[in-house]
Amino acid sequence: MTLEIAVFLSMNGRAWEALTFYKKHLGAEELLVVTYEDMAKRDETFQLTEENKQLISHSVLRIGQTKIMIAEDAMDSSQLYTVGNNFSLCIQSADLTEIQTFYSNLTSDDRVKIIVPLNQNIFSGAYGILEDPFGIQIQLMHDERLK
C-alpha cells in the first residue's frame, strides 16, 4: 500500500503521557519517537532548550491496523491549544505525484487555508498543512517508507 490516512494528535506538552497511556491501555505498538533533541541534530535552526529537549516532535503508534501520530505542537502555531483543534488528518503516500495532486486539488478551492505550503523539508520530499472549509487541518506528506 502506498497511501494511508492517520489521525494526528497534538498533546500540548503531554505527548509522553499519551504514548504511555495508549501503550498500556490499548496495546499500542511504538513505531517511532523523535524528540526535540533528535530534531535539533537534524536541523541546526531548530530551537532547543533544556525545557523542551525531551518533548516529542513526532511519534507513531500502531493500534491494530491503524496508525496514530502524536506530537506536542498544534499544526497551526498561531492558534492557542484547545481540545477540538488538537487533531488533524495526515495523508501520506509513497507516490509524490499523488501528494502533489491532492495539494493542487485542495488548494484550488478558495475556501482552503494554506498553513504550511507544500515543500521539501528534513523529513519529507513534500510536506504541507492545509485547513479545509470545515476547519479540519490536513497534513499532506510524501513518505517513501510506505512503498
Protein backbone atom coordinates (compact mmCIF):
# COMPACT_ATOMS: atom_id res chain seq x y z
CA MET A 1 0.00 0.00 0.00
CA THR A 2 1.34 3.43 -0.87
CA LEU A 3 -1.42 5.60 0.66
CA GLU A 4 -2.68 5.91 4.21
CA ILE A 5 -4.53 8.40 6.37
CA ALA A 6 -3.65 8.65 10.05
CA VAL A 7 -5.09 10.68 12.89
CA PHE A 8 -2.54 13.19 14.24
CA LEU A 9 -2.95 14.30 17.87
CA SER A 10 -1.32 17.43 19.30
CA MET A 11 -0.88 16.99 23.04
CA ASN A 12 0.34 20.38 24.34
CA GLY A 13 3.26 19.03 26.36
CA ARG A 14 1.61 15.72 27.32
CA ALA A 15 2.76 13.54 24.40
CA TRP A 16 4.87 11.17 26.55
CA GLU A 17 1.90 10.74 28.88
CA ALA A 18 -0.37 9.96 25.90
CA LEU A 19 2.12 7.44 24.46
CA THR A 20 2.34 5.65 27.78
CA PHE A 21 -1.44 5.67 28.19
CA TYR A 22 -2.20 4.25 24.72
CA LYS A 23 0.54 1.62 25.01
CA LYS A 24 -0.72 0.50 28.41
CA HIS A 25 -4.45 0.61 27.84
CA LEU A 26 -4.83 -0.08 24.10
CA GLY A 27 -1.79 -2.27 23.49
CA ALA A 28 -0.34 0.29 21.08
CA GLU A 29 2.96 -0.58 19.44
CA GLU A 30 5.52 2.23 19.37
CA LEU A 31 6.84 2.59 15.82
CA LEU A 32 8.70 5.89 16.09
CA VAL A 33 9.57 8.58 18.63
CA VAL A 34 11.50 11.72 17.68
CA THR A 35 12.27 14.23 20.44
CA TYR A 36 13.07 17.90 20.01
CA GLU A 37 16.67 16.97 20.84
CA ASP A 38 16.64 14.49 17.93
CA MET A 39 15.25 17.19 15.62
CA ALA A 40 18.00 19.62 16.62
CA LYS A 41 20.58 17.05 15.48
CA ARG A 42 18.93 17.02 12.03
CA ASP A 43 18.20 20.74 11.74
CA GLU A 44 20.63 23.27 13.20
CA THR A 45 17.95 26.02 13.10
CA PHE A 46 15.71 24.06 15.49
CA GLN A 47 15.34 25.98 18.77
CA LEU A 48 16.42 23.59 21.52
CA THR A 49 16.28 24.40 25.24
CA GLU A 50 16.71 22.41 28.44
CA GLU A 51 12.93 22.71 28.93
CA ASN A 52 11.95 21.31 25.52
CA LYS A 53 14.69 18.84 24.60
CA GLN A 54 12.74 15.77 25.78
CA LEU A 55 9.41 16.87 24.30
CA ILE A 56 8.11 14.84 21.37
CA SER A 57 8.39 16.37 17.92
CA HIS A 58 6.77 13.37 16.24
CA SER A 59 5.76 9.83 17.14
CA VAL A 60 3.82 6.99 15.57
CA LEU A 61 1.88 4.27 17.34
CA ARG A 62 0.07 1.34 15.76
CA ILE A 63 -3.15 0.08 17.30
CA GLY A 64 -4.35 -2.88 15.28
CA GLN A 65 -4.10 -1.76 11.64
CA THR A 66 -4.44 1.95 12.49
CA LYS A 67 -1.60 4.42 12.99
CA ILE A 68 -1.90 7.33 15.40
CA MET A 69 0.65 10.13 15.27
CA ILE A 70 1.31 12.14 18.41
CA ALA A 71 3.35 15.31 19.00
CA GLU A 72 3.37 18.28 21.34
CA ASP A 73 2.55 21.12 18.96
CA ALA A 74 -0.58 22.04 17.04
CA MET A 75 -0.34 22.19 13.24
CA ASP A 76 -1.20 25.90 13.20
CA SER A 77 1.14 27.55 15.70
CA SER A 78 -0.88 30.77 15.53
CA GLN A 79 -3.79 29.05 17.32
CA LEU A 80 -3.91 28.53 21.06
CA TYR A 81 -4.21 24.90 22.12
CA THR A 82 -7.83 23.88 22.66
CA VAL A 83 -9.34 20.45 22.84
CA GLY A 84 -11.02 20.31 19.45
CA ASN A 85 -8.19 21.93 17.47
CA ASN A 86 -5.63 19.40 18.68
CA PHE A 87 -6.07 16.86 15.88
CA SER A 88 -5.61 16.69 12.15
CA LEU A 89 -5.66 14.16 9.34
CA CYS A 90 -2.29 13.14 7.94
CA ILE A 91 -2.48 11.88 4.36
CA GLN A 92 0.73 10.08 3.43
CA SER A 93 1.77 8.46 0.19
CA ALA A 94 4.90 6.91 -1.27
CA ASP A 95 3.78 8.47 -4.56
CA LEU A 96 5.00 12.08 -4.71
CA THR A 97 2.70 12.89 -7.63
CA GLU A 98 -0.30 11.73 -5.60
CA ILE A 99 0.56 14.13 -2.75
CA GLN A 100 1.14 16.99 -5.20
CA THR A 101 -2.21 16.25 -6.87
CA PHE A 102 -4.06 16.24 -3.53
CA TYR A 103 -2.42 19.56 -2.65
CA SER A 104 -3.31 21.08 -6.03
CA ASN A 105 -6.89 19.81 -5.85
CA LEU A 106 -7.44 21.06 -2.32
CA THR A 107 -5.83 24.48 -2.83
CA SER A 108 -7.88 25.07 -5.98
CA ASP A 109 -10.80 25.77 -3.61
CA ASP A 110 -10.60 29.37 -2.36
CA ARG A 111 -12.04 28.31 0.99
CA VAL A 112 -8.97 26.18 1.80
CA LYS A 113 -6.38 27.91 4.00
CA ILE A 114 -2.70 27.15 3.43
CA ILE A 115 -0.97 26.87 6.80
CA VAL A 116 2.32 25.45 5.51
CA PRO A 117 2.90 25.40 1.73
CA LEU A 118 3.87 22.05 0.21
CA ASN A 119 7.68 21.90 0.20
CA GLN A 120 10.57 19.55 0.86
CA ASN A 121 11.88 19.52 4.43
CA ILE A 122 14.23 17.43 6.56
CA PHE A 123 11.80 14.52 6.92
CA SER A 124 9.84 14.51 3.66
CA GLY A 125 10.22 15.15 -0.04
CA ALA A 126 6.95 17.08 0.14
CA TYR A 127 5.08 18.22 3.26
CA GLY A 128 2.34 20.78 3.72
CA ILE A 129 -0.55 21.65 6.01
CA LEU A 130 -3.96 22.93 4.91
CA GLU A 131 -7.24 23.73 6.62
CA ASP A 132 -10.38 22.68 4.78
CA PRO A 133 -13.61 24.73 4.69
CA PHE A 134 -14.89 22.77 7.70
CA GLY A 135 -11.96 23.65 9.99
CA ILE A 136 -10.21 20.27 9.65
CA GLN A 137 -6.45 20.57 9.33
CA ILE A 138 -4.93 18.21 6.76
CA GLN A 139 -1.26 17.32 6.58
CA LEU A 140 0.00 16.04 3.23
CA MET A 141 3.25 14.09 3.31
CA HIS A 142 5.33 12.17 0.81
CA ASP A 143 6.76 9.16 2.64
CA GLU A 144 8.82 6.67 0.63
CA ARG A 145 8.76 4.21 3.53
CA LEU A 146 5.18 3.31 2.54
CA LYS A 147 6.38 1.50 -0.61
